[in-house]
Amino acid sequence: MSFLVRAGLLSLFLAPYLFYGIRDVLHHTHHRPVTLTERLLHITLGVALMIIISHALAGHFEVVIAGIFLFVTARTLDEFVFHRDLPATEVDLHAKTHFGFLIFVVGVIGTNWLQTRGYIP
């Protein structure tokens, strides 16, 4: 698969996560400042995302899986430690970011599956 086709498909799959992720960052900026510990966890999420996205674009599926493991671990800690008793609007926003990330992960898996079977040149 050419880099441009892969980049186009993965950008399309990543768009919902980016949209809601940016809204979440803006929400934290204006409504709920985060502690230093939570900020460090968010930095870990950002590093994991950089690993996932860059290697998904390059077609390194094995590294993407490791990055997803790091991301899900950090996101789980974030949800179960820092996201208790939040207002409904923030809970809704987090649910949408989770769904956006799931769309991206399924898109990466689907793109890899189509490529390995020769359906996408």
PDB file of N, CA and C in Angstrom:
ATOM      1  N   MET A   1       0.854  -1.171   0.000  1.00  0.00           N
ATOM      2  CA  MET A   1       0.000   0.000   0.000  1.00  0.00           C
ATOM      3  C   MET A   1       0.897   1.231   0.000  1.00  0.00           C
ATOM      4  N   SER A   2       0.551   2.182  -0.828  1.00  0.00           N
ATOM      5  CA  SER A   2       1.361   3.389  -0.871  1.00  0.00           C
ATOM      6  C   SER A   2       1.151   4.182   0.416  1.00  0.00           C
ATOM      7  N   PHE A   3       2.156   4.970   0.740  1.00  0.00           N
ATOM      8  CA  PHE A   3       2.086   5.783   1.949  1.00  0.00           C
ATOM      9  C   PHE A   3       0.912   6.752   1.887  1.00  0.00           C
ATOM     10  N   LEU A   4       0.659   7.313   0.724  1.00  0.00           N
ATOM     11  CA  LEU A   4      -0.423   8.291   0.596  1.00  0.00           C
ATOM     12  C   LEU A   4      -1.805   7.658   0.839  1.00  0.00           C
ATOM     13  N   VAL A   5      -2.013   6.457   0.322  1.00  0.00           N
ATOM     14  CA  VAL A   5      -3.290   5.773   0.545  1.00  0.00           C
ATOM     15  C   VAL A   5      -3.445   5.450   2.025  1.00  0.00           C
ATOM     16  N   ARG A   6      -2.397   4.893   2.624  1.00  0.00           N
ATOM     17  CA  ARG A   6      -2.438   4.563   4.057  1.00  0.00           C
ATOM     18  C   ARG A   6      -2.660   5.833   4.884  1.00  0.00           C
ATOM     19  N   ALA A   7      -1.938   6.896   4.593  1.00  0.00           N
ATOM     20  CA  ALA A   7      -2.081   8.147   5.344  1.00  0.00           C
ATOM     21  C   ALA A   7      -3.484   8.715   5.201  1.00  0.00           C
ATOM     22  N   GLY A   8      -4.044   8.635   4.009  1.00  0.00           N
ATOM     23  CA  GLY A   8      -5.404   9.128   3.793  1.00  0.00           C
ATOM     24  C   GLY A   8      -6.434   8.353   4.589  1.00  0.00           C
ATOM     25  N   LEU A   9      -6.346   7.031   4.515  1.00  0.00           N
ATOM     26  CA  LEU A   9      -7.295   6.191   5.255  1.00  0.00           C
ATOM     27  C   LEU A   9      -7.165   6.392   6.761  1.00  0.00           C
ATOM     28  N   LEU A  10      -5.935   6.368   7.248  1.00  0.00           N
ATOM     29  CA  LEU A  10      -5.743   6.484   8.693  1.00  0.00           C
ATOM     30  C   LEU A  10      -6.094   7.874   9.198  1.00  0.00           C
ATOM     31  N   SER A  11      -5.889   8.893   8.390  1.00  0.00           N
ATOM     32  CA  SER A  11      -6.304  10.248   8.783  1.00  0.00           C
ATOM     33  C   SER A  11      -7.819  10.319   8.917  1.00  0.00           C
ATOM     34  N   LEU A  12      -8.499   9.681   8.005  1.00  0.00           N
ATOM     35  CA  LEU A  12      -9.959   9.633   8.065  1.00  0.00           C
ATOM     36  C   LEU A  12     -10.424   8.930   9.347  1.00  0.00           C
ATOM     37  N   PHE A  13      -9.789   7.808   9.673  1.00  0.00           N
ATOM     38  CA  PHE A  13     -10.155   7.067  10.879  1.00  0.00           C
ATOM     39  C   PHE A  13      -9.767   7.805  12.163  1.00  0.00           C
ATOM     40  N   LEU A  14      -8.725   8.625  12.096  1.00  0.00           N
ATOM     41  CA  LEU A  14      -8.235   9.348  13.269  1.00  0.00           C
ATOM     42  C   LEU A  14      -9.033  10.613  13.555  1.00  0.00           C
ATOM     43  N   ALA A  15      -9.712  11.149  12.570  1.00  0.00           N
ATOM     44  CA  ALA A  15     -10.405  12.436  12.701  1.00  0.00           C
ATOM     45  C   ALA A  15     -11.370  12.509  13.897  1.00  0.00           C
ATOM     46  N   PRO A  16     -12.234  11.505  14.126  1.00  0.00           N
ATOM     47  CA  PRO A  16     -13.140  11.620  15.287  1.00  0.00           C
ATOM     48  C   PRO A  16     -12.391  11.715  16.616  1.00  0.00           C
ATOM     49  N   TYR A  17     -11.315  10.927  16.754  1.00  0.00           N
ATOM     50  CA  TYR A  17     -10.556  10.984  18.003  1.00  0.00           C
ATOM     51  C   TYR A  17      -9.905  12.349  18.181  1.00  0.00           C
ATOM     52  N   LEU A  18      -9.329  12.876  17.129  1.00  0.00           N
ATOM     53  CA  LEU A  18      -8.699  14.193  17.228  1.00  0.00           C
ATOM     54  C   LEU A  18      -9.723  15.270  17.574  1.00  0.00           C
ATOM     55  N   PHE A  19     -10.881  15.218  16.961  1.00  0.00           N
ATOM     56  CA  PHE A  19     -11.924  16.201  17.223  1.00  0.00           C
ATOM     57  C   PHE A  19     -12.305  16.211  18.704  1.00  0.00           C
ATOM     58  N   TYR A  20     -12.623  15.036  19.237  1.00  0.00           N
ATOM     59  CA  TYR A  20     -13.051  14.973  20.634  1.00  0.00           C
ATOM     60  C   TYR A  20     -11.871  15.112  21.601  1.00  0.00           C
ATOM     61  N   GLY A  21     -10.702  14.669  21.200  1.00  0.00           N
ATOM     62  CA  GLY A  21      -9.519  14.855  22.039  1.00  0.00           C
ATOM     63  C   GLY A  21      -9.184  16.318  22.225  1.00  0.00           C
ATOM     64  N   ILE A  22      -9.269  17.092  21.161  1.00  0.00           N
ATOM     65  CA  ILE A  22      -9.016  18.533  21.253  1.00  0.00           C
ATOM     66  C   ILE A  22     -10.087  19.192  22.122  1.00  0.00           C
ATOM     67  N   ARG A  23     -11.329  18.782  21.967  1.00  0.00           N
ATOM     68  CA  ARG A  23     -12.398  19.328  22.819  1.00  0.00           C
ATOM     69  C   ARG A  23     -12.140  19.002  24.286  1.00  0.00           C
ATOM     70  N   ASP A  24     -11.607  17.800  24.572  1.00  0.00           N
ATOM     71  CA  ASP A  24     -11.300  17.419  25.947  1.00  0.00           C
ATOM     72  C   ASP A  24     -10.186  18.301  26.517  1.00  0.00           C
ATOM     73  N   VAL A  25      -9.151  18.538  25.729  1.00  0.00           N
ATOM     74  CA  VAL A  25      -8.052  19.407  26.177  1.00  0.00           C
ATOM     75  C   VAL A  25      -8.584  20.812  26.479  1.00  0.00           C
ATOM     76  N   LEU A  26      -9.417  21.325  25.593  1.00  0.00           N
ATOM     77  CA  LEU A  26      -9.993  22.651  25.811  1.00  0.00           C
ATOM     78  C   LEU A  26     -10.886  22.669  27.050  1.00  0.00           C
ATOM     79  N   HIS A  27     -11.608  21.584  27.276  1.00  0.00           N
ATOM     80  CA  HIS A  27     -12.451  21.483  28.472  1.00  0.00           C
ATOM     81  C   HIS A  27     -11.596  21.576  29.732  1.00  0.00           C
ATOM     82  N   HIS A  28     -10.479  20.852  29.746  1.00  0.00           N
ATOM     83  CA  HIS A  28      -9.587  20.906  30.908  1.00  0.00           C
ATOM     84  C   HIS A  28      -9.020  22.305  31.090  1.00  0.00           C
ATOM     85  N   THR A  29      -8.740  22.973  30.006  1.00  0.00           N
ATOM     86  CA  THR A  29      -8.170  24.324  30.084  1.00  0.00           C
ATOM     87  C   THR A  29      -9.156  25.299  30.711  1.00  0.00           C
ATOM     88  N   HIS A  30     -10.432  25.146  30.381  1.00  0.00           N
ATOM     89  CA  HIS A  30     -11.421  26.128  30.820  1.00  0.00           C
ATOM     90  C   HIS A  30     -12.237  25.716  32.047  1.00  0.00           C
ATOM     91  N   HIS A  31     -12.400  24.412  32.310  1.00  0.00           N
ATOM     92  CA  HIS A  31     -13.340  23.998  33.353  1.00  0.00           C
ATOM     93  C   HIS A  31     -12.731  23.198  34.498  1.00  0.00           C
ATOM     94  N   ARG A  32     -11.752  22.357  34.208  1.00  0.00           N
ATOM     95  CA  ARG A  32     -11.203  21.521  35.275  1.00  0.00           C
ATOM     96  C   ARG A  32      -9.700  21.367  35.099  1.00  0.00           C
ATOM     97  N   PRO A  33      -8.942  22.224  35.785  1.00  0.00           N
ATOM     98  CA  PRO A  33      -7.482  22.069  35.706  1.00  0.00           C
ATOM     99  C   PRO A  33      -7.065  20.708  36.265  1.00  0.00           C
ATOM    100  N   VAL A  34      -6.001  20.149  35.717  1.00  0.00           N
ATOM    101  CA  VAL A  34      -5.552  18.829  36.155  1.00  0.00           C
ATOM    102  C   VAL A  34      -4.357  18.953  37.088  1.00  0.00           C
ATOM    103  N   THR A  35      -4.194  17.951  37.940  1.00  0.00           N
ATOM    104  CA  THR A  35      -3.060  17.921  38.861  1.00  0.00           C
ATOM    105  C   THR A  35      -1.788  17.552  38.091  1.00  0.00           C
ATOM    106  N   LEU A  36      -0.658  17.716  38.740  1.00  0.00           N
ATOM    107  CA  LEU A  36       0.614  17.363  38.103  1.00  0.00           C
ATOM    108  C   LEU A  36       0.646  15.876  37.751  1.00  0.00           C
ATOM    109  N   THR A  37       0.144  15.028  38.643  1.00  0.00           N
ATOM    110  CA  THR A  37       0.147  13.588  38.387  1.00  0.00           C
ATOM    111  C   THR A  37      -0.712  13.252  37.171  1.00  0.00           C
ATOM    112  N   GLU A  38      -1.883  13.863  37.091  1.00  0.00           N
ATOM    113  CA  GLU A  38      -2.748  13.617  35.939  1.00  0.00           C
ATOM    114  C   GLU A  38      -2.123  14.175  34.667  1.00  0.00           C
ATOM    115  N   ARG A  39      -1.448  15.303  34.788  1.00  0.00           N
ATOM    116  CA  ARG A  39      -0.767  15.883  33.623  1.00  0.00           C
ATOM    117  C   ARG A  39       0.329  14.947  33.104  1.00  0.00           C
ATOM    118  N   LEU A  40       1.076  14.322  34.022  1.00  0.00           N
ATOM    119  CA  LEU A  40       2.107  13.356  33.620  1.00  0.00           C
ATOM    120  C   LEU A  40       1.482  12.150  32.924  1.00  0.00           C
ATOM    121  N   LEU A  41       0.335  11.728  33.408  1.00  0.00           N
ATOM    122  CA  LEU A  41      -0.377  10.629  32.761  1.00  0.00           C
ATOM    123  C   LEU A  41      -0.840  11.038  31.366  1.00  0.00           C
ATOM    124  N   HIS A  42      -1.284  12.273  31.222  1.00  0.00           N
ATOM    125  CA  HIS A  42      -1.684  12.778  29.903  1.00  0.00           C
ATOM    126  C   HIS A  42      -0.486  12.878  28.956  1.00  0.00           C
ATOM    127  N   ILE A  43       0.674  13.215  29.486  1.00  0.00           N
ATOM    128  CA  ILE A  43       1.891  13.228  28.665  1.00  0.00           C
ATOM    129  C   ILE A  43       2.198  11.816  28.181  1.00  0.00           C
ATOM    130  N   THR A  44       2.032  10.825  29.060  1.00  0.00           N
ATOM    131  CA  THR A  44       2.218   9.421  28.668  1.00  0.00           C
ATOM    132  C   THR A  44       1.257   9.048  27.552  1.00  0.00           C
ATOM    133  N   LEU A  45       0.017   9.503  27.661  1.00  0.00           N
ATOM    134  CA  LEU A  45      -0.969   9.248  26.596  1.00  0.00           C
ATOM    135  C   LEU A  45      -0.513   9.883  25.286  1.00  0.00           C
ATOM    136  N   GLY A  46       0.007  11.094  25.352  1.00  0.00           N
ATOM    137  CA  GLY A  46       0.494  11.772  24.150  1.00  0.00           C
ATOM    138  C   GLY A  46       1.660  11.036  23.501  1.00  0.00           C
ATOM    139  N   VAL A  47       2.591  10.555  24.323  1.00  0.00           N
ATOM    140  CA  VAL A  47       3.732   9.796  23.793  1.00  0.00           C
ATOM    141  C   VAL A  47       3.239   8.503  23.139  1.00  0.00           C
ATOM    142  N   ALA A  48       2.324   7.819  23.810  1.00  0.00           N
ATOM    143  CA  ALA A  48       1.770   6.588  23.241  1.00  0.00           C
ATOM    144  C   ALA A  48       1.083   6.877  21.908  1.00  0.00           C
ATOM    145  N   LEU A  49       0.339   7.979  21.833  1.00  0.00           N
ATOM    146  CA  LEU A  49      -0.323   8.340  20.577  1.00  0.00           C
ATOM    147  C   LEU A  49       0.680   8.625  19.467  1.00  0.00           C
ATOM    148  N   MET A  50       1.767   9.306  19.812  1.00  0.00           N
ATOM    149  CA  MET A  50       2.795   9.570  18.791  1.00  0.00           C
ATOM    150  C   MET A  50       3.382   8.258  18.270  1.00  0.00           C
ATOM    151  N   ILE A  51       3.608   7.307  19.161  1.00  0.00           N
ATOM    152  CA  ILE A  51       4.116   5.991  18.748  1.00  0.00           C
ATOM    153  C   ILE A  51       3.102   5.301  17.838  1.00  0.00           C
ATOM    154  N   ILE A  52       1.845   5.286  18.284  1.00  0.00           N
ATOM    155  CA  ILE A  52       0.799   4.584  17.535  1.00  0.00           C
ATOM    156  C   ILE A  52       0.613   5.199  16.152  1.00  0.00           C
ATOM    157  N   ILE A  53       0.429   6.501  16.096  1.00  0.00           N
ATOM    158  CA  ILE A  53       0.124   7.157  14.824  1.00  0.00           C
ATOM    159  C   ILE A  53       1.290   7.066  13.850  1.00  0.00           C
ATOM    160  N   SER A  54       2.498   7.354  14.322  1.00  0.00           N
ATOM    161  CA  SER A  54       3.648   7.329  13.405  1.00  0.00           C
ATOM    162  C   SER A  54       3.903   5.925  12.854  1.00  0.00           C
ATOM    163  N   HIS A  55       3.775   4.923  13.693  1.00  0.00           N
ATOM    164  CA  HIS A  55       4.024   3.559  13.224  1.00  0.00           C
ATOM    165  C   HIS A  55       2.848   2.998  12.432  1.00  0.00           C
ATOM    166  N   ALA A  56       1.637   3.478  12.714  1.00  0.00           N
ATOM    167  CA  ALA A  56       0.503   3.082  11.881  1.00  0.00           C
ATOM    168  C   ALA A  56       0.693   3.628  10.469  1.00  0.00           C
ATOM    169  N   LEU A  57       1.147   4.864  10.366  1.00  0.00           N
ATOM    170  CA  LEU A  57       1.397   5.449   9.047  1.00  0.00           C
ATOM    171  C   LEU A  57       2.512   4.714   8.311  1.00  0.00           C
ATOM    172  N   ALA A  58       3.513   4.271   9.057  1.00  0.00           N
ATOM    173  CA  ALA A  58       4.648   3.564   8.442  1.00  0.00           C
ATOM    174  C   ALA A  58       4.326   2.101   8.165  1.00  0.00           C
ATOM    175  N   GLY A  59       3.215   1.599   8.707  1.00  0.00           N
ATOM    176  CA  GLY A  59       2.844   0.206   8.470  1.00  0.00           C
ATOM    177  C   GLY A  59       3.510  -0.782   9.409  1.00  0.00           C
ATOM    178  N   HIS A  60       4.020  -0.315  10.536  1.00  0.00           N
ATOM    179  CA  HIS A  60       4.671  -1.189  11.515  1.00  0.00           C
ATOM    180  C   HIS A  60       3.631  -1.663  12.527  1.00  0.00           C
ATOM    181  N   PHE A  61       2.850  -2.644  12.130  1.00  0.00           N
ATOM    182  CA  PHE A  61       1.706  -3.087  12.913  1.00  0.00           C
ATOM    183  C   PHE A  61       2.115  -3.605  14.293  1.00  0.00           C
ATOM    184  N   GLU A  62       3.254  -4.273  14.405  1.00  0.00           N
ATOM    185  CA  GLU A  62       3.686  -4.826  15.689  1.00  0.00           C
ATOM    186  C   GLU A  62       3.955  -3.722  16.704  1.00  0.00           C
ATOM    187  N   VAL A  63       4.546  -2.613  16.257  1.00  0.00           N
ATOM    188  CA  VAL A  63       4.826  -1.493  17.159  1.00  0.00           C
ATOM    189  C   VAL A  63       3.520  -0.799  17.547  1.00  0.00           C
ATOM    190  N   VAL A  64       2.581  -0.730  16.623  1.00  0.00           N
ATOM    191  CA  VAL A  64       1.270  -0.142  16.911  1.00  0.00           C
ATOM    192  C   VAL A  64       0.602  -0.899  18.061  1.00  0.00           C
ATOM    193  N   ILE A  65       0.674  -2.213  18.036  1.00  0.00           N
ATOM    194  CA  ILE A  65       0.059  -3.030  19.094  1.00  0.00           C
ATOM    195  C   ILE A  65       0.685  -2.703  20.452  1.00  0.00           C
ATOM    196  N   ALA A  66       2.008  -2.587  20.518  1.00  0.00           N
ATOM    197  CA  ALA A  66       2.683  -2.227  21.769  1.00  0.00           C
ATOM    198  C   ALA A  66       2.260  -0.827  22.224  1.00  0.00           C
ATOM    199  N   GLY A  67       2.152   0.105  21.295  1.00  0.00           N
ATOM    200  CA  GLY A  67       1.713   1.455  21.625  1.00  0.00           C
ATOM    201  C   GLY A  67       0.282   1.476  22.139  1.00  0.00           C
ATOM    202  N   ILE A  68      -0.568   0.666  21.536  1.00  0.00           N
ATOM    203  CA  ILE A  68      -1.960   0.586  21.994  1.00  0.00           C
ATOM    204  C   ILE A  68      -2.017   0.032  23.420  1.00  0.00           C
ATOM    205  N   PHE A  69      -1.177  -0.941  23.711  1.00  0.00           N
ATOM    206  CA  PHE A  69      -1.131  -1.485  25.067  1.00  0.00           C
ATOM    207  C   PHE A  69      -0.740  -0.394  26.071  1.00  0.00           C
ATOM    208  N   LEU A  70       0.284   0.403  25.751  1.00  0.00           N
ATOM    209  CA  LEU A  70       0.698   1.503  26.618  1.00  0.00           C
ATOM    210  C   LEU A  70      -0.431   2.526  26.758  1.00  0.00           C
ATOM    211  N   PHE A  71      -1.065   2.881  25.657  1.00  0.00           N
ATOM    212  CA  PHE A  71      -2.140   3.861  25.665  1.00  0.00           C
ATOM    213  C   PHE A  71      -3.313   3.396  26.514  1.00  0.00           C
ATOM    214  N   VAL A  72      -3.750   2.158  26.313  1.00  0.00           N
ATOM    215  CA  VAL A  72      -4.906   1.642  27.053  1.00  0.00           C
ATOM    216  C   VAL A  72      -4.587   1.544  28.543  1.00  0.00           C
ATOM    217  N   THR A  73      -3.368   1.159  28.884  1.00  0.00           N
ATOM    218  CA  THR A  73      -2.978   1.092  30.292  1.00  0.00           C
ATOM    219  C   THR A  73      -3.035   2.474  30.938  1.00  0.00           C
ATOM    220  N   ALA A  74      -2.457   3.471  30.271  1.00  0.00           N
ATOM    221  CA  ALA A  74      -2.464   4.831  30.813  1.00  0.00           C
ATOM    222  C   ALA A  74      -3.881   5.395  30.854  1.00  0.00           C
ATOM    223  N   ARG A  75      -4.655   5.135  29.820  1.00  0.00           N
ATOM    224  CA  ARG A  75      -6.029   5.652  29.780  1.00  0.00           C
ATOM    225  C   ARG A  75      -6.886   5.010  30.866  1.00  0.00           C
ATOM    226  N   THR A  76      -6.666   3.732  31.144  1.00  0.00           N
ATOM    227  CA  THR A  76      -7.396   3.050  32.213  1.00  0.00           C
ATOM    228  C   THR A  76      -7.066   3.673  33.570  1.00  0.00           C
ATOM    229  N   LEU A  77      -5.789   3.904  33.816  1.00  0.00           N
ATOM    230  CA  LEU A  77      -5.391   4.566  35.070  1.00  0.00           C
ATOM    231  C   LEU A  77      -6.032   5.945  35.172  1.00  0.00           C
ATOM    232  N   ASP A  78      -6.007   6.689  34.086  1.00  0.00           N
ATOM    233  CA  ASP A  78      -6.592   8.025  34.063  1.00  0.00           C
ATOM    234  C   ASP A  78      -8.077   7.969  34.414  1.00  0.00           C
ATOM    235  N   GLU A  79      -8.789   7.049  33.806  1.00  0.00           N
ATOM    236  CA  GLU A  79     -10.232   6.951  34.048  1.00  0.00           C
ATOM    237  C   GLU A  79     -10.552   6.514  35.471  1.00  0.00           C
ATOM    238  N   PHE A  80      -9.861   5.492  35.964  1.00  0.00           N
ATOM    239  CA  PHE A  80     -10.225   4.935  37.261  1.00  0.00           C
ATOM    240  C   PHE A  80      -9.650   5.696  38.446  1.00  0.00           C
ATOM    241  N   VAL A  81      -8.627   6.509  38.230  1.00  0.00           N
ATOM    242  CA  VAL A  81      -8.036   7.272  39.336  1.00  0.00           C
ATOM    243  C   VAL A  81      -8.527   8.719  39.339  1.00  0.00           C
ATOM    244  N   PHE A  82      -8.513   9.378  38.192  1.00  0.00           N
ATOM    245  CA  PHE A  82      -8.777  10.814  38.152  1.00  0.00           C
ATOM    246  C   PHE A  82     -10.164  11.204  37.655  1.00  0.00           C
ATOM    247  N   HIS A  83     -10.882  10.301  37.060  1.00  0.00           N
ATOM    248  CA  HIS A  83     -12.154  10.659  36.449  1.00  0.00           C
ATOM    249  C   HIS A  83     -13.350  10.109  37.209  1.00  0.00           C
ATOM    250  N   ARG A  84     -13.309  10.240  38.503  1.00  0.00           N
ATOM    251  CA  ARG A  84     -14.439   9.805  39.329  1.00  0.00           C
ATOM    252  C   ARG A  84     -15.284  11.026  39.689  1.00  0.00           C
ATOM    253  N   ASP A  85     -16.587  10.843  39.725  1.00  0.00           N
ATOM    254  CA  ASP A  85     -17.523  11.898  40.131  1.00  0.00           C
ATOM    255  C   ASP A  85     -17.389  13.165  39.284  1.00  0.00           C
ATOM    256  N   LEU A  86     -17.236  12.991  37.994  1.00  0.00           N
ATOM    257  CA  LEU A  86     -17.143  14.134  37.089  1.00  0.00           C
ATOM    258  C   LEU A  86     -18.535  14.556  36.631  1.00  0.00           C
ATOM    259  N   PRO A  87     -18.661  15.811  36.189  1.00  0.00           N
ATOM    260  CA  PRO A  87     -19.948  16.241  35.629  1.00  0.00           C
ATOM    261  C   PRO A  87     -20.293  15.420  34.379  1.00  0.00           C
ATOM    262  N   ALA A  88     -21.588  15.307  34.126  1.00  0.00           N
ATOM    263  CA  ALA A  88     -22.067  14.482  33.007  1.00  0.00           C
ATOM    264  C   ALA A  88     -21.494  14.946  31.667  1.00  0.00           C
ATOM    265  N   THR A  89     -21.298  16.239  31.492  1.00  0.00           N
ATOM    266  CA  THR A  89     -20.763  16.726  30.208  1.00  0.00           C
ATOM    267  C   THR A  89     -19.350  16.223  29.968  1.00  0.00           C
ATOM    268  N   GLU A  90     -18.538  16.165  31.020  1.00  0.00           N
ATOM    269  CA  GLU A  90     -17.164  15.670  30.851  1.00  0.00           C
ATOM    270  C   GLU A  90     -17.143  14.162  30.659  1.00  0.00           C
ATOM    271  N   VAL A  91     -18.007  13.452  31.348  1.00  0.00           N
ATOM    272  CA  VAL A  91     -18.109  12.000  31.165  1.00  0.00           C
ATOM    273  C   VAL A  91     -18.511  11.692  29.725  1.00  0.00           C
ATOM    274  N   ASP A  92     -19.475  12.443  29.205  1.00  0.00           N
ATOM    275  CA  ASP A  92     -19.921  12.271  27.821  1.00  0.00           C
ATOM    276  C   ASP A  92     -18.772  12.534  26.843  1.00  0.00           C
ATOM    277  N   LEU A  93     -18.007  13.575  27.109  1.00  0.00           N
ATOM    278  CA  LEU A  93     -16.867  13.895  26.246  1.00  0.00           C
ATOM    279  C   LEU A  93     -15.827  12.784  26.270  1.00  0.00           C
ATOM    280  N   HIS A  94     -15.541  12.242  27.448  1.00  0.00           N
ATOM    281  CA  HIS A  94     -14.573  11.145  27.546  1.00  0.00           C
ATOM    282  C   HIS A  94     -15.078   9.900  26.814  1.00  0.00           C
ATOM    283  N   ALA A  95     -16.361   9.620  26.927  1.00  0.00           N
ATOM    284  CA  ALA A  95     -16.924   8.462  26.221  1.00  0.00           C
ATOM    285  C   ALA A  95     -16.757   8.625  24.712  1.00  0.00           C
ATOM    286  N   LYS A  96     -16.956   9.837  24.222  1.00  0.00           N
ATOM    287  CA  LYS A  96     -16.797  10.078  22.788  1.00  0.00           C
ATOM    288  C   LYS A  96     -15.341   9.958  22.353  1.00  0.00           C
ATOM    289  N   THR A  97     -14.403  10.374  23.210  1.00  0.00           N
ATOM    290  CA  THR A  97     -12.991  10.187  22.839  1.00  0.00           C
ATOM    291  C   THR A  97     -12.639   8.706  22.802  1.00  0.00           C
ATOM    292  N   HIS A  98     -13.185   7.938  23.748  1.00  0.00           N
ATOM    293  CA  HIS A  98     -12.938   6.487  23.743  1.00  0.00           C
ATOM    294  C   HIS A  98     -13.473   5.867  22.454  1.00  0.00           C
ATOM    295  N   PHE A  99     -14.670   6.256  22.063  1.00  0.00           N
ATOM    296  CA  PHE A  99     -15.260   5.727  20.839  1.00  0.00           C
ATOM    297  C   PHE A  99     -14.446   6.166  19.614  1.00  0.00           C
ATOM    298  N   GLY A 100     -13.984   7.416  19.605  1.00  0.00           N
ATOM    299  CA  GLY A 100     -13.143   7.898  18.504  1.00  0.00           C
ATOM    300  C   GLY A 100     -11.855   7.100  18.393  1.00  0.00           C
ATOM    301  N   PHE A 101     -11.250   6.772  19.530  1.00  0.00           N
ATOM    302  CA  PHE A 101     -10.024   5.976  19.496  1.00  0.00           C
ATOM    303  C   PHE A 101     -10.315   4.565  19.001  1.00  0.00           C
ATOM    304  N   LEU A 102     -11.442   4.005  19.391  1.00  0.00           N
ATOM    305  CA  LEU A 102     -11.826   2.679  18.907  1.00  0.00           C
ATOM    306  C   LEU A 102     -11.997   2.679  17.390  1.00  0.00           C
ATOM    307  N   ILE A 103     -12.588   3.734  16.851  1.00  0.00           N
ATOM    308  CA  ILE A 103     -12.714   3.853  15.393  1.00  0.00           C
ATOM    309  C   ILE A 103     -11.343   3.819  14.741  1.00  0.00           C
ATOM    310  N   PHE A 104     -10.385   4.542  15.322  1.00  0.00           N
ATOM    311  CA  PHE A 104      -9.033   4.557  14.763  1.00  0.00           C
ATOM    312  C   PHE A 104      -8.393   3.174  14.836  1.00  0.00           C
ATOM    313  N   VAL A 105      -8.491   2.509  15.972  1.00  0.00           N
ATOM    314  CA  VAL A 105      -7.874   1.186  16.138  1.00  0.00           C
ATOM    315  C   VAL A 105      -8.468   0.191  15.140  1.00  0.00           C
ATOM    316  N   VAL A 106      -9.778   0.186  15.011  1.00  0.00           N
ATOM    317  CA  VAL A 106     -10.427  -0.718  14.054  1.00  0.00           C
ATOM    318  C   VAL A 106     -10.002  -0.351  12.631  1.00  0.00           C
ATOM    319  N   GLY A 107      -9.856   0.933  12.354  1.00  0.00           N
ATOM    320  CA  GLY A 107      -9.384   1.369  11.035  1.00  0.00           C
ATOM    321  C   GLY A 107      -7.969   0.890  10.741  1.00  0.00           C
ATOM    322  N   VAL A 108      -7.089   0.956  11.743  1.00  0.00           N
ATOM    323  CA  VAL A 108      -5.709   0.470  11.573  1.00  0.00           C
ATOM    324  C   VAL A 108      -5.717  -1.035  11.310  1.00  0.00           C
ATOM    325  N   ILE A 109      -6.477  -1.769  12.102  1.00  0.00           N
ATOM    326  CA  ILE A 109      -6.555  -3.220  11.932  1.00  0.00           C
ATOM    327  C   ILE A 109      -7.148  -3.564  10.567  1.00  0.00           C
ATOM    328  N   GLY A 110      -8.220  -2.877  10.193  1.00  0.00           N
ATOM    329  CA  GLY A 110      -8.854  -3.138   8.902  1.00  0.00           C
ATOM    330  C   GLY A 110      -7.949  -2.810   7.731  1.00  0.00           C
ATOM    331  N   THR A 111      -7.242  -1.696   7.817  1.00  0.00           N
ATOM    332  CA  THR A 111      -6.306  -1.313   6.751  1.00  0.00           C
ATOM    333  C   THR A 111      -5.201  -2.352   6.614  1.00  0.00           C
ATOM    334  N   ASN A 112      -4.666  -2.792   7.752  1.00  0.00           N
ATOM    335  CA  ASN A 112      -3.622  -3.823   7.729  1.00  0.00           C
ATOM    336  C   ASN A 112      -4.161  -5.126   7.143  1.00  0.00           C
ATOM    337  N   TRP A 113      -5.363  -5.505   7.522  1.00  0.00           N
ATOM    338  CA  TRP A 113      -5.980  -6.732   7.026  1.00  0.00           C
ATOM    339  C   TRP A 113      -6.164  -6.660   5.509  1.00  0.00           C
ATOM    340  N   LEU A 114      -6.699  -5.544   5.025  1.00  0.00           N
ATOM    341  CA  LEU A 114      -6.904  -5.389   3.575  1.00  0.00           C
ATOM    342  C   LEU A 114      -5.579  -5.410   2.829  1.00  0.00           C
ATOM    343  N   GLN A 115      -4.577  -4.777   3.380  1.00  0.00           N
ATOM    344  CA  GLN A 115      -3.276  -4.742   2.713  1.00  0.00           C
ATOM    345  C   GLN A 115      -2.628  -6.121   2.661  1.00  0.00           C
ATOM    346  N   THR A 116      -2.675  -6.870   3.757  1.00  0.00           N
ATOM    347  CA  THR A 116      -2.019  -8.183   3.767  1.00  0.00           C
ATOM    348  C   THR A 116      -2.707  -9.167   2.838  1.00  0.00           C
ATOM    349  N   ARG A 117      -3.963  -8.930   2.492  1.00  0.00           N
ATOM    350  CA  ARG A 117      -4.691  -9.797   1.574  1.00  0.00           C
ATOM    351  C   ARG A 117      -4.692  -9.281   0.142  1.00  0.00           C
ATOM    352  N   GLY A 118      -4.013  -8.176  -0.071  1.00  0.00           N
ATOM    353  CA  GLY A 118      -3.867  -7.651  -1.426  1.00  0.00           C
ATOM    354  C   GLY A 118      -5.058  -6.882  -1.960  1.00  0.00           C
ATOM    355  N   TYR A 119      -6.010  -6.533  -1.094  1.00  0.00           N
ATOM    356  CA  TYR A 119      -7.180  -5.797  -1.562  1.00  0.00           C
ATOM    357  C   TYR A 119      -6.861  -4.320  -1.795  1.00  0.00           C
ATOM    358  N   ILE A 120      -5.839  -3.829  -1.118  1.00  0.00           N
ATOM    359  CA  ILE A 120      -5.391  -2.436  -1.302  1.00  0.00           C
ATOM    360  C   ILE A 120      -3.943  -2.511  -1.774  1.00  0.00           C
ATOM    361  N   PRO A 121      -3.674  -1.957  -2.946  1.00  0.00           N
ATOM    362  CA  PRO A 121      -2.285  -2.028  -3.457  1.00  0.00           C
ATOM    363  C   PRO A 121      -1.332  -1.173  -2.650  1.00  0.00           C
TER     364      PRO A 121
END
